[in-house]
Amino acid sequence: MKTVNIILMGFGNVGQAFLRVAHEKKEFCRIRYGLDIKFYSIFELGGAIHSSQALNTSEILEKYSSLTTFRKNPLWKPDLKLTSVLDSIKPGVLVECTYYTLEKYPTPYE
């Protein structure tokens, strides 16, 4: 079994849809491809939900799908920077689901 560590950038419509599909396909990916998909951080403006343990994606989708409730998650870390997270977890995949463009916002998650 190979573990795929994921950091999700953005939790609007696209980010939530990606998390939902990844959550729904988790067991399929485990059986079919031998992949254990784990989310460690979900970034949104002003910070992130982050843990050194894999996040409970089911709970996040059920309880924290609005921006107001998202920031009330006990794992919410205001002002958390992507660079700190990259130093703290094993390499994996960064999924970009924000509306940012380099022209308008060159470095939103430094």
PDB file of N, CA and C in Angstrom:
ATOM      1  N   MET A   1       0.851  -1.181   0.000  1.00  0.00           N
ATOM      2  CA  MET A   1       0.000   0.000   0.000  1.00  0.00           C
ATOM      3  C   MET A   1       0.892   1.238   0.000  1.00  0.00           C
ATOM      4  N   LYS A   2       0.615   2.143  -0.917  1.00  0.00           N
ATOM      5  CA  LYS A   2       1.352   3.404  -1.006  1.00  0.00           C
ATOM      6  C   LYS A   2       0.452   4.529  -0.513  1.00  0.00           C
ATOM      7  N   THR A   3       0.987   5.374   0.363  1.00  0.00           N
ATOM      8  CA  THR A   3       0.240   6.502   0.904  1.00  0.00           C
ATOM      9  C   THR A   3       0.429   7.726   0.026  1.00  0.00           C
ATOM     10  N   VAL A   4      -0.669   8.418  -0.251  1.00  0.00           N
ATOM     11  CA  VAL A   4      -0.637   9.671  -0.998  1.00  0.00           C
ATOM     12  C   VAL A   4      -1.093  10.772  -0.044  1.00  0.00           C
ATOM     13  N   ASN A   5      -0.158  11.621   0.373  1.00  0.00           N
ATOM     14  CA  ASN A   5      -0.467  12.743   1.260  1.00  0.00           C
ATOM     15  C   ASN A   5      -0.912  13.926   0.424  1.00  0.00           C
ATOM     16  N   ILE A   6      -2.049  14.520   0.795  1.00  0.00           N
ATOM     17  CA  ILE A   6      -2.618  15.606  -0.016  1.00  0.00           C
ATOM     18  C   ILE A   6      -2.791  16.869   0.814  1.00  0.00           C
ATOM     19  N   ILE A   7      -2.420  18.005   0.223  1.00  0.00           N
ATOM     20  CA  ILE A   7      -2.723  19.326   0.744  1.00  0.00           C
ATOM     21  C   ILE A   7      -3.686  19.955  -0.257  1.00  0.00           C
ATOM     22  N   LEU A   8      -4.829  20.412   0.235  1.00  0.00           N
ATOM     23  CA  LEU A   8      -5.844  21.014  -0.625  1.00  0.00           C
ATOM     24  C   LEU A   8      -5.812  22.527  -0.453  1.00  0.00           C
ATOM     25  N   MET A   9      -5.656  23.241  -1.541  1.00  0.00           N
ATOM     26  CA  MET A   9      -5.632  24.701  -1.535  1.00  0.00           C
ATOM     27  C   MET A   9      -6.983  25.203  -2.029  1.00  0.00           C
ATOM     28  N   GLY A  10      -7.774  25.753  -1.111  1.00  0.00           N
ATOM     29  CA  GLY A  10      -9.082  26.287  -1.468  1.00  0.00           C
ATOM     30  C   GLY A  10     -10.194  25.338  -1.071  1.00  0.00           C
ATOM     31  N   PHE A  11     -11.238  25.889  -0.429  1.00  0.00           N
ATOM     32  CA  PHE A  11     -12.360  25.055   0.001  1.00  0.00           C
ATOM     33  C   PHE A  11     -13.682  25.693  -0.386  1.00  0.00           C
ATOM     34  N   GLY A  12     -13.704  26.267  -1.592  1.00  0.00           N
ATOM     35  CA  GLY A  12     -14.950  26.778  -2.165  1.00  0.00           C
ATOM     36  C   GLY A  12     -15.664  25.630  -2.863  1.00  0.00           C
ATOM     37  N   ASN A  13     -16.423  25.935  -3.887  1.00  0.00           N
ATOM     38  CA  ASN A  13     -17.171  24.899  -4.611  1.00  0.00           C
ATOM     39  C   ASN A  13     -16.258  23.826  -5.198  1.00  0.00           C
ATOM     40  N   VAL A  14     -15.178  24.239  -5.834  1.00  0.00           N
ATOM     41  CA  VAL A  14     -14.277  23.286  -6.495  1.00  0.00           C
ATOM     42  C   VAL A  14     -13.524  22.456  -5.455  1.00  0.00           C
ATOM     43  N   GLY A  15     -12.986  23.111  -4.431  1.00  0.00           N
ATOM     44  CA  GLY A  15     -12.253  22.394  -3.393  1.00  0.00           C
ATOM     45  C   GLY A  15     -13.125  21.387  -2.663  1.00  0.00           C
ATOM     46  N   GLN A  16     -14.361  21.793  -2.336  1.00  0.00           N
ATOM     47  CA  GLN A  16     -15.279  20.875  -1.664  1.00  0.00           C
ATOM     48  C   GLN A  16     -15.662  19.708  -2.575  1.00  0.00           C
ATOM     49  N   ALA A  17     -15.879  19.993  -3.846  1.00  0.00           N
ATOM     50  CA  ALA A  17     -16.214  18.917  -4.792  1.00  0.00           C
ATOM     51  C   ALA A  17     -15.059  17.938  -4.911  1.00  0.00           C
ATOM     52  N   PHE A  18     -13.830  18.457  -4.976  1.00  0.00           N
ATOM     53  CA  PHE A  18     -12.661  17.572  -5.050  1.00  0.00           C
ATOM     54  C   PHE A  18     -12.574  16.700  -3.799  1.00  0.00           C
ATOM     55  N   LEU A  19     -12.734  17.313  -2.619  1.00  0.00           N
ATOM     56  CA  LEU A  19     -12.652  16.550  -1.373  1.00  0.00           C
ATOM     57  C   LEU A  19     -13.744  15.489  -1.321  1.00  0.00           C
ATOM     58  N   ARG A  20     -14.941  15.846  -1.756  1.00  0.00           N
ATOM     59  CA  ARG A  20     -16.057  14.898  -1.747  1.00  0.00           C
ATOM     60  C   ARG A  20     -15.760  13.696  -2.654  1.00  0.00           C
ATOM     61  N   VAL A  21     -15.288  13.960  -3.861  1.00  0.00           N
ATOM     62  CA  VAL A  21     -14.985  12.855  -4.790  1.00  0.00           C
ATOM     63  C   VAL A  21     -13.845  12.000  -4.235  1.00  0.00           C
ATOM     64  N   ALA A  22     -12.798  12.637  -3.723  1.00  0.00           N
ATOM     65  CA  ALA A  22     -11.671  11.884  -3.154  1.00  0.00           C
ATOM     66  C   ALA A  22     -12.139  11.025  -1.982  1.00  0.00           C
ATOM     67  N   HIS A  23     -13.019  11.574  -1.159  1.00  0.00           N
ATOM     68  CA  HIS A  23     -13.559  10.831  -0.013  1.00  0.00           C
ATOM     69  C   HIS A  23     -14.385   9.635  -0.499  1.00  0.00           C
ATOM     70  N   GLU A  24     -15.245   9.875  -1.486  1.00  0.00           N
ATOM     71  CA  GLU A  24     -16.105   8.805  -2.007  1.00  0.00           C
ATOM     72  C   GLU A  24     -15.301   7.713  -2.710  1.00  0.00           C
ATOM     73  N   LYS A  25     -14.177   8.079  -3.326  1.00  0.00           N
ATOM     74  CA  LYS A  25     -13.370   7.115  -4.089  1.00  0.00           C
ATOM     75  C   LYS A  25     -12.212   6.519  -3.273  1.00  0.00           C
ATOM     76  N   LYS A  26     -12.126   6.881  -1.998  1.00  0.00           N
ATOM     77  CA  LYS A  26     -10.989   6.439  -1.173  1.00  0.00           C
ATOM     78  C   LYS A  26     -10.838   4.913  -1.155  1.00  0.00           C
ATOM     79  N   GLU A  27     -11.929   4.217  -0.879  1.00  0.00           N
ATOM     80  CA  GLU A  27     -11.870   2.755  -0.804  1.00  0.00           C
ATOM     81  C   GLU A  27     -11.584   2.141  -2.181  1.00  0.00           C
ATOM     82  N   PHE A  28     -12.177   2.708  -3.220  1.00  0.00           N
ATOM     83  CA  PHE A  28     -11.913   2.247  -4.584  1.00  0.00           C
ATOM     84  C   PHE A  28     -10.420   2.354  -4.908  1.00  0.00           C
ATOM     85  N   CYS A  29      -9.818   3.491  -4.579  1.00  0.00           N
ATOM     86  CA  CYS A  29      -8.387   3.695  -4.853  1.00  0.00           C
ATOM     87  C   CYS A  29      -7.524   2.741  -4.045  1.00  0.00           C
ATOM     88  N   ARG A  30      -7.971   2.434  -2.829  1.00  0.00           N
ATOM     89  CA  ARG A  30      -7.232   1.495  -1.989  1.00  0.00           C
ATOM     90  C   ARG A  30      -7.238   0.094  -2.618  1.00  0.00           C
ATOM     91  N   ILE A  31      -8.416  -0.343  -3.037  1.00  0.00           N
ATOM     92  CA  ILE A  31      -8.549  -1.700  -3.588  1.00  0.00           C
ATOM     93  C   ILE A  31      -7.957  -1.797  -4.993  1.00  0.00           C
ATOM     94  N   ARG A  32      -8.324  -0.876  -5.848  1.00  0.00           N
ATOM     95  CA  ARG A  32      -7.933  -0.946  -7.258  1.00  0.00           C
ATOM     96  C   ARG A  32      -6.459  -0.621  -7.511  1.00  0.00           C
ATOM     97  N   TYR A  33      -5.947   0.417  -6.829  1.00  0.00           N
ATOM     98  CA  TYR A  33      -4.600   0.904  -7.123  1.00  0.00           C
ATOM     99  C   TYR A  33      -3.610   0.742  -5.971  1.00  0.00           C
ATOM    100  N   GLY A  34      -4.086   0.286  -4.826  1.00  0.00           N
ATOM    101  CA  GLY A  34      -3.202   0.137  -3.680  1.00  0.00           C
ATOM    102  C   GLY A  34      -2.757   1.477  -3.107  1.00  0.00           C
ATOM    103  N   LEU A  35      -3.638   2.491  -3.170  1.00  0.00           N
ATOM    104  CA  LEU A  35      -3.312   3.829  -2.682  1.00  0.00           C
ATOM    105  C   LEU A  35      -4.125   4.162  -1.434  1.00  0.00           C
ATOM    106  N   ASP A  36      -3.450   4.674  -0.437  1.00  0.00           N
ATOM    107  CA  ASP A  36      -4.102   5.149   0.778  1.00  0.00           C
ATOM    108  C   ASP A  36      -4.066   6.676   0.736  1.00  0.00           C
ATOM    109  N   ILE A  37      -5.208   7.290   0.442  1.00  0.00           N
ATOM    110  CA  ILE A  37      -5.290   8.745   0.273  1.00  0.00           C
ATOM    111  C   ILE A  37      -5.536   9.404   1.622  1.00  0.00           C
ATOM    112  N   LYS A  38      -4.668  10.371   1.967  1.00  0.00           N
ATOM    113  CA  LYS A  38      -4.790  11.079   3.245  1.00  0.00           C
ATOM    114  C   LYS A  38      -4.634  12.577   3.027  1.00  0.00           C
ATOM    115  N   PHE A  39      -5.555  13.327   3.616  1.00  0.00           N
ATOM    116  CA  PHE A  39      -5.485  14.794   3.587  1.00  0.00           C
ATOM    117  C   PHE A  39      -4.911  15.257   4.924  1.00  0.00           C
ATOM    118  N   TYR A  40      -3.954  16.177   4.862  1.00  0.00           N
ATOM    119  CA  TYR A  40      -3.340  16.721   6.071  1.00  0.00           C
ATOM    120  C   TYR A  40      -3.648  18.198   6.269  1.00  0.00           C
ATOM    121  N   SER A  41      -3.933  18.920   5.200  1.00  0.00           N
ATOM    122  CA  SER A  41      -4.211  20.350   5.292  1.00  0.00           C
ATOM    123  C   SER A  41      -5.240  20.739   4.244  1.00  0.00           C
ATOM    124  N   ILE A  42      -6.129  21.640   4.653  1.00  0.00           N
ATOM    125  CA  ILE A  42      -7.051  22.278   3.715  1.00  0.00           C
ATOM    126  C   ILE A  42      -6.938  23.772   3.963  1.00  0.00           C
ATOM    127  N   PHE A  43      -6.388  24.486   2.994  1.00  0.00           N
ATOM    128  CA  PHE A  43      -6.173  25.923   3.123  1.00  0.00           C
ATOM    129  C   PHE A  43      -7.365  26.703   2.614  1.00  0.00           C
ATOM    130  N   GLU A  44      -7.606  27.812   3.265  1.00  0.00           N
ATOM    131  CA  GLU A  44      -8.614  28.778   2.863  1.00  0.00           C
ATOM    132  C   GLU A  44      -8.028  30.134   3.218  1.00  0.00           C
ATOM    133  N   LEU A  45      -8.627  31.208   2.743  1.00  0.00           N
ATOM    134  CA  LEU A  45      -8.115  32.537   3.070  1.00  0.00           C
ATOM    135  C   LEU A  45      -7.935  32.692   4.572  1.00  0.00           C
ATOM    136  N   GLY A  46      -6.764  33.106   4.981  1.00  0.00           N
ATOM    137  CA  GLY A  46      -6.519  33.395   6.382  1.00  0.00           C
ATOM    138  C   GLY A  46      -6.006  32.253   7.221  1.00  0.00           C
ATOM    139  N   GLY A  47      -5.796  31.086   6.639  1.00  0.00           N
ATOM    140  CA  GLY A  47      -5.282  29.970   7.425  1.00  0.00           C
ATOM    141  C   GLY A  47      -5.636  28.631   6.821  1.00  0.00           C
ATOM    142  N   ALA A  48      -5.645  27.601   7.702  1.00  0.00           N
ATOM    143  CA  ALA A  48      -5.913  26.246   7.217  1.00  0.00           C
ATOM    144  C   ALA A  48      -6.379  25.353   8.351  1.00  0.00           C
ATOM    145  N   ILE A  49      -7.103  24.317   7.975  1.00  0.00           N
ATOM    146  CA  ILE A  49      -7.324  23.197   8.877  1.00  0.00           C
ATOM    147  C   ILE A  49      -6.130  22.284   8.632  1.00  0.00           C
ATOM    148  N   HIS A  50      -5.404  21.992   9.691  1.00  0.00           N
ATOM    149  CA  HIS A  50      -4.181  21.193   9.537  1.00  0.00           C
ATOM    150  C   HIS A  50      -3.983  20.306  10.756  1.00  0.00           C
ATOM    151  N   SER A  51      -3.442  19.120  10.504  1.00  0.00           N
ATOM    152  CA  SER A  51      -3.114  18.203  11.591  1.00  0.00           C
ATOM    153  C   SER A  51      -1.919  17.356  11.188  1.00  0.00           C
ATOM    154  N   SER A  52      -1.181  16.891  12.184  1.00  0.00           N
ATOM    155  CA  SER A  52      -0.077  15.974  11.900  1.00  0.00           C
ATOM    156  C   SER A  52      -0.608  14.570  11.606  1.00  0.00           C
ATOM    157  N   GLN A  53      -1.887  14.339  11.945  1.00  0.00           N
ATOM    158  CA  GLN A  53      -2.580  13.094  11.607  1.00  0.00           C
ATOM    159  C   GLN A  53      -3.499  13.371  10.421  1.00  0.00           C
ATOM    160  N   ALA A  54      -3.868  12.340   9.694  1.00  0.00           N
ATOM    161  CA  ALA A  54      -4.772  12.525   8.554  1.00  0.00           C
ATOM    162  C   ALA A  54      -6.095  13.124   9.029  1.00  0.00           C
ATOM    163  N   LEU A  55      -6.605  14.073   8.255  1.00  0.00           N
ATOM    164  CA  LEU A  55      -7.875  14.724   8.584  1.00  0.00           C
ATOM    165  C   LEU A  55      -9.048  13.769   8.380  1.00  0.00           C
ATOM    166  N   ASN A  56     -10.095  13.960   9.157  1.00  0.00           N
ATOM    167  CA  ASN A  56     -11.329  13.201   9.006  1.00  0.00           C
ATOM    168  C   ASN A  56     -12.161  13.900   7.929  1.00  0.00           C
ATOM    169  N   THR A  57     -12.016  13.460   6.685  1.00  0.00           N
ATOM    170  CA  THR A  57     -12.684  14.133   5.564  1.00  0.00           C
ATOM    171  C   THR A  57     -14.201  14.041   5.660  1.00  0.00           C
ATOM    172  N   SER A  58     -14.710  12.953   6.190  1.00  0.00           N
ATOM    173  CA  SER A  58     -16.152  12.801   6.340  1.00  0.00           C
ATOM    174  C   SER A  58     -16.705  13.875   7.277  1.00  0.00           C
ATOM    175  N   GLU A  59     -16.049  14.082   8.406  1.00  0.00           N
ATOM    176  CA  GLU A  59     -16.481  15.093   9.372  1.00  0.00           C
ATOM    177  C   GLU A  59     -16.382  16.501   8.778  1.00  0.00           C
ATOM    178  N   ILE A  60     -15.322  16.770   8.051  1.00  0.00           N
ATOM    179  CA  ILE A  60     -15.153  18.100   7.446  1.00  0.00           C
ATOM    180  C   ILE A  60     -16.277  18.373   6.447  1.00  0.00           C
ATOM    181  N   LEU A  61     -16.584  17.389   5.614  1.00  0.00           N
ATOM    182  CA  LEU A  61     -17.653  17.572   4.631  1.00  0.00           C
ATOM    183  C   LEU A  61     -19.017  17.737   5.291  1.00  0.00           C
ATOM    184  N   GLU A  62     -19.257  17.017   6.375  1.00  0.00           N
ATOM    185  CA  GLU A  62     -20.558  17.074   7.045  1.00  0.00           C
ATOM    186  C   GLU A  62     -20.736  18.329   7.889  1.00  0.00           C
ATOM    187  N   LYS A  63     -19.705  18.733   8.632  1.00  0.00           N
ATOM    188  CA  LYS A  63     -19.858  19.786   9.633  1.00  0.00           C
ATOM    189  C   LYS A  63     -19.241  21.131   9.271  1.00  0.00           C
ATOM    190  N   TYR A  64     -18.298  21.143   8.333  1.00  0.00           N
ATOM    191  CA  TYR A  64     -17.511  22.363   8.129  1.00  0.00           C
ATOM    192  C   TYR A  64     -17.478  22.822   6.673  1.00  0.00           C
ATOM    193  N   SER A  65     -18.607  22.716   5.976  1.00  0.00           N
ATOM    194  CA  SER A  65     -18.587  23.038   4.552  1.00  0.00           C
ATOM    195  C   SER A  65     -18.828  24.515   4.237  1.00  0.00           C
ATOM    196  N   SER A  66     -19.222  25.316   5.220  1.00  0.00           N
ATOM    197  CA  SER A  66     -19.329  26.757   4.954  1.00  0.00           C
ATOM    198  C   SER A  66     -18.090  27.440   5.529  1.00  0.00           C
ATOM    199  N   LEU A  67     -17.766  28.606   5.001  1.00  0.00           N
ATOM    200  CA  LEU A  67     -16.575  29.321   5.468  1.00  0.00           C
ATOM    201  C   LEU A  67     -16.681  29.649   6.953  1.00  0.00           C
ATOM    202  N   THR A  68     -17.874  29.977   7.421  1.00  0.00           N
ATOM    203  CA  THR A  68     -18.065  30.300   8.836  1.00  0.00           C
ATOM    204  C   THR A  68     -17.776  29.086   9.712  1.00  0.00           C
ATOM    205  N   THR A  69     -18.351  27.940   9.377  1.00  0.00           N
ATOM    206  CA  THR A  69     -18.130  26.744  10.191  1.00  0.00           C
ATOM    207  C   THR A  69     -16.725  26.188   9.967  1.00  0.00           C
ATOM    208  N   PHE A  70     -16.187  26.343   8.767  1.00  0.00           N
ATOM    209  CA  PHE A  70     -14.842  25.860   8.458  1.00  0.00           C
ATOM    210  C   PHE A  70     -13.834  26.425   9.455  1.00  0.00           C
ATOM    211  N   ARG A  71     -13.941  27.707   9.723  1.00  0.00           N
ATOM    212  CA  ARG A  71     -13.001  28.373  10.633  1.00  0.00           C
ATOM    213  C   ARG A  71     -13.287  28.067  12.103  1.00  0.00           C
ATOM    214  N   LYS A  72     -14.383  27.385  12.382  1.00  0.00           N
ATOM    215  CA  LYS A  72     -14.683  26.967  13.758  1.00  0.00           C
ATOM    216  C   LYS A  72     -14.188  25.552  14.041  1.00  0.00           C
ATOM    217  N   ASN A  73     -13.647  24.904  13.033  1.00  0.00           N
ATOM    218  CA  ASN A  73     -13.071  23.573  13.230  1.00  0.00           C
ATOM    219  C   ASN A  73     -11.954  23.682  14.266  1.00  0.00           C
ATOM    220  N   PRO A  74     -11.890  22.766  15.236  1.00  0.00           N
ATOM    221  CA  PRO A  74     -10.850  22.846  16.263  1.00  0.00           C
ATOM    222  C   PRO A  74      -9.423  22.761  15.703  1.00  0.00           C
ATOM    223  N   LEU A  75      -9.279  22.267  14.490  1.00  0.00           N
ATOM    224  CA  LEU A  75      -7.951  22.175  13.869  1.00  0.00           C
ATOM    225  C   LEU A  75      -7.603  23.416  13.039  1.00  0.00           C
ATOM    226  N   TRP A  76      -8.502  24.414  13.015  1.00  0.00           N
ATOM    227  CA  TRP A  76      -8.248  25.654  12.262  1.00  0.00           C
ATOM    228  C   TRP A  76      -7.049  26.375  12.862  1.00  0.00           C
ATOM    229  N   LYS A  77      -6.118  26.732  11.993  1.00  0.00           N
ATOM    230  CA  LYS A  77      -4.929  27.463  12.407  1.00  0.00           C
ATOM    231  C   LYS A  77      -4.865  28.755  11.602  1.00  0.00           C
ATOM    232  N   PRO A  78      -5.245  29.879  12.241  1.00  0.00           N
ATOM    233  CA  PRO A  78      -5.209  31.153  11.516  1.00  0.00           C
ATOM    234  C   PRO A  78      -3.782  31.501  11.129  1.00  0.00           C
ATOM    235  N   ASP A  79      -3.662  32.088   9.954  1.00  0.00           N
ATOM    236  CA  ASP A  79      -2.368  32.558   9.440  1.00  0.00           C
ATOM    237  C   ASP A  79      -1.352  31.451   9.179  1.00  0.00           C
ATOM    238  N   LEU A  80      -1.774  30.197   9.153  1.00  0.00           N
ATOM    239  CA  LEU A  80      -0.838  29.115   8.831  1.00  0.00           C
ATOM    240  C   LEU A  80      -0.358  29.290   7.395  1.00  0.00           C
ATOM    241  N   LYS A  81       0.915  29.116   7.167  1.00  0.00           N
ATOM    242  CA  LYS A  81       1.518  29.283   5.846  1.00  0.00           C
ATOM    243  C   LYS A  81       1.837  27.917   5.238  1.00  0.00           C
ATOM    244  N   LEU A  82       1.710  27.851   3.939  1.00  0.00           N
ATOM    245  CA  LEU A  82       2.001  26.614   3.223  1.00  0.00           C
ATOM    246  C   LEU A  82       3.433  26.150   3.472  1.00  0.00           C
ATOM    247  N   THR A  83       4.370  27.071   3.532  1.00  0.00           N
ATOM    248  CA  THR A  83       5.771  26.688   3.726  1.00  0.00           C
ATOM    249  C   THR A  83       5.969  25.923   5.033  1.00  0.00           C
ATOM    250  N   SER A  84       5.242  26.288   6.100  1.00  0.00           N
ATOM    251  CA  SER A  84       5.372  25.551   7.363  1.00  0.00           C
ATOM    252  C   SER A  84       4.832  24.136   7.237  1.00  0.00           C
ATOM    253  N   VAL A  85       3.729  23.991   6.515  1.00  0.00           N
ATOM    254  CA  VAL A  85       3.133  22.672   6.339  1.00  0.00           C
ATOM    255  C   VAL A  85       4.050  21.784   5.508  1.00  0.00           C
ATOM    256  N   LEU A  86       4.629  22.333   4.461  1.00  0.00           N
ATOM    257  CA  LEU A  86       5.513  21.535   3.609  1.00  0.00           C
ATOM    258  C   LEU A  86       6.715  21.017   4.373  1.00  0.00           C
ATOM    259  N   ASP A  87       7.138  21.746   5.384  1.00  0.00           N
ATOM    260  CA  ASP A  87       8.261  21.299   6.210  1.00  0.00           C
ATOM    261  C   ASP A  87       7.854  20.226   7.207  1.00  0.00           C
ATOM    262  N   SER A  88       6.554  20.075   7.460  1.00  0.00           N
ATOM    263  CA  SER A  88       6.122  19.189   8.539  1.00  0.00           C
ATOM    264  C   SER A  88       5.538  17.843   8.102  1.00  0.00           C
ATOM    265  N   ILE A  89       5.224  17.662   6.823  1.00  0.00           N
ATOM    266  CA  ILE A  89       4.669  16.375   6.387  1.00  0.00           C
ATOM    267  C   ILE A  89       5.519  15.775   5.275  1.00  0.00           C
ATOM    268  N   LYS A  90       5.329  14.485   5.058  1.00  0.00           N
ATOM    269  CA  LYS A  90       6.048  13.802   3.984  1.00  0.00           C
ATOM    270  C   LYS A  90       5.561  14.325   2.634  1.00  0.00           C
ATOM    271  N   PRO A  91       6.421  14.304   1.635  1.00  0.00           N
ATOM    272  CA  PRO A  91       6.020  14.796   0.308  1.00  0.00           C
ATOM    273  C   PRO A  91       4.769  14.091  -0.203  1.00  0.00           C
ATOM    274  N   GLY A  92       4.012  14.813  -0.978  1.00  0.00           N
ATOM    275  CA  GLY A  92       2.792  14.261  -1.531  1.00  0.00           C
ATOM    276  C   GLY A  92       2.318  15.098  -2.698  1.00  0.00           C
ATOM    277  N   VAL A  93       1.030  15.451  -2.655  1.00  0.00           N
ATOM    278  CA  VAL A  93       0.395  16.157  -3.761  1.00  0.00           C
ATOM    279  C   VAL A  93      -0.259  17.434  -3.230  1.00  0.00           C
ATOM    280  N   LEU A  94      -0.081  18.523  -3.954  1.00  0.00           N
ATOM    281  CA  LEU A  94      -0.779  19.765  -3.655  1.00  0.00           C
ATOM    282  C   LEU A  94      -1.844  19.941  -4.732  1.00  0.00           C
ATOM    283  N   VAL A  95      -3.097  20.088  -4.301  1.00  0.00           N
ATOM    284  CA  VAL A  95      -4.211  20.257  -5.239  1.00  0.00           C
ATOM    285  C   VAL A  95      -4.669  21.708  -5.151  1.00  0.00           C
ATOM    286  N   GLU A  96      -4.543  22.441  -6.235  1.00  0.00           N
ATOM    287  CA  GLU A  96      -4.854  23.868  -6.307  1.00  0.00           C
ATOM    288  C   GLU A  96      -6.296  24.068  -6.783  1.00  0.00           C
ATOM    289  N   CYS A  97      -7.159  24.558  -5.893  1.00  0.00           N
ATOM    290  CA  CYS A  97      -8.569  24.776  -6.217  1.00  0.00           C
ATOM    291  C   CYS A  97      -9.008  26.194  -5.879  1.00  0.00           C
ATOM    292  N   THR A  98      -8.101  27.150  -5.926  1.00  0.00           N
ATOM    293  CA  THR A  98      -8.455  28.530  -5.617  1.00  0.00           C
ATOM    294  C   THR A  98      -8.779  29.281  -6.899  1.00  0.00           C
ATOM    295  N   TYR A  99      -9.318  30.469  -6.739  1.00  0.00           N
ATOM    296  CA  TYR A  99      -9.631  31.312  -7.889  1.00  0.00           C
ATOM    297  C   TYR A  99      -8.490  32.268  -8.202  1.00  0.00           C
ATOM    298  N   TYR A 100      -7.391  32.118  -7.534  1.00  0.00           N
ATOM    299  CA  TYR A 100      -6.258  33.021  -7.726  1.00  0.00           C
ATOM    300  C   TYR A 100      -5.619  32.856  -9.093  1.00  0.00           C
ATOM    301  N   THR A 101      -5.083  33.957  -9.600  1.00  0.00           N
ATOM    302  CA  THR A 101      -4.223  33.920 -10.772  1.00  0.00           C
ATOM    303  C   THR A 101      -2.919  34.599 -10.380  1.00  0.00           C
ATOM    304  N   LEU A 102      -1.848  34.254 -11.024  1.00  0.00           N
ATOM    305  CA  LEU A 102      -0.554  34.849 -10.694  1.00  0.00           C
ATOM    306  C   LEU A 102      -0.532  36.346 -10.952  1.00  0.00           C
ATOM    307  N   GLU A 103      -1.310  36.786 -11.928  1.00  0.00           N
ATOM    308  CA  GLU A 103      -1.337  38.212 -12.240  1.00  0.00           C
ATOM    309  C   GLU A 103      -1.980  39.019 -11.113  1.00  0.00           C
ATOM    310  N   LYS A 104      -3.071  38.496 -10.545  1.00  0.00           N
ATOM    311  CA  LYS A 104      -3.797  39.230  -9.505  1.00  0.00           C
ATOM    312  C   LYS A 104      -3.210  39.005  -8.115  1.00  0.00           C
ATOM    313  N   TYR A 105      -2.851  37.771  -7.813  1.00  0.00           N
ATOM    314  CA  TYR A 105      -2.382  37.406  -6.471  1.00  0.00           C
ATOM    315  C   TYR A 105      -1.137  36.530  -6.585  1.00  0.00           C
ATOM    316  N   PRO A 106       0.044  37.123  -6.655  1.00  0.00           N
ATOM    317  CA  PRO A 106       1.250  36.326  -6.897  1.00  0.00           C
ATOM    318  C   PRO A 106       1.578  35.299  -5.819  1.00  0.00           C
ATOM    319  N   THR A 107       1.327  35.588  -4.536  1.00  0.00           N
ATOM    320  CA  THR A 107       1.697  34.644  -3.486  1.00  0.00           C
ATOM    321  C   THR A 107       0.682  34.644  -2.342  1.00  0.00           C
ATOM    322  N   PRO A 108      -0.498  34.073  -2.537  1.00  0.00           N
ATOM    323  CA  PRO A 108      -1.533  34.155  -1.517  1.00  0.00           C
ATOM    324  C   PRO A 108      -1.291  33.286  -0.277  1.00  0.00           C
ATOM    325  N   TYR A 109      -0.479  32.247  -0.374  1.00  0.00           N
ATOM    326  CA  TYR A 109      -0.352  31.299   0.734  1.00  0.00           C
ATOM    327  C   TYR A 109       1.068  31.194   1.259  1.00  0.00           C
ATOM    328  N   GLU A 110       1.873  32.211   1.082  1.00  0.00           N
ATOM    329  CA  GLU A 110       3.257  32.149   1.552  1.00  0.00           C
ATOM    330  C   GLU A 110       3.308  31.858   3.025  1.00  0.00           C
TER     331      GLU A 110
END
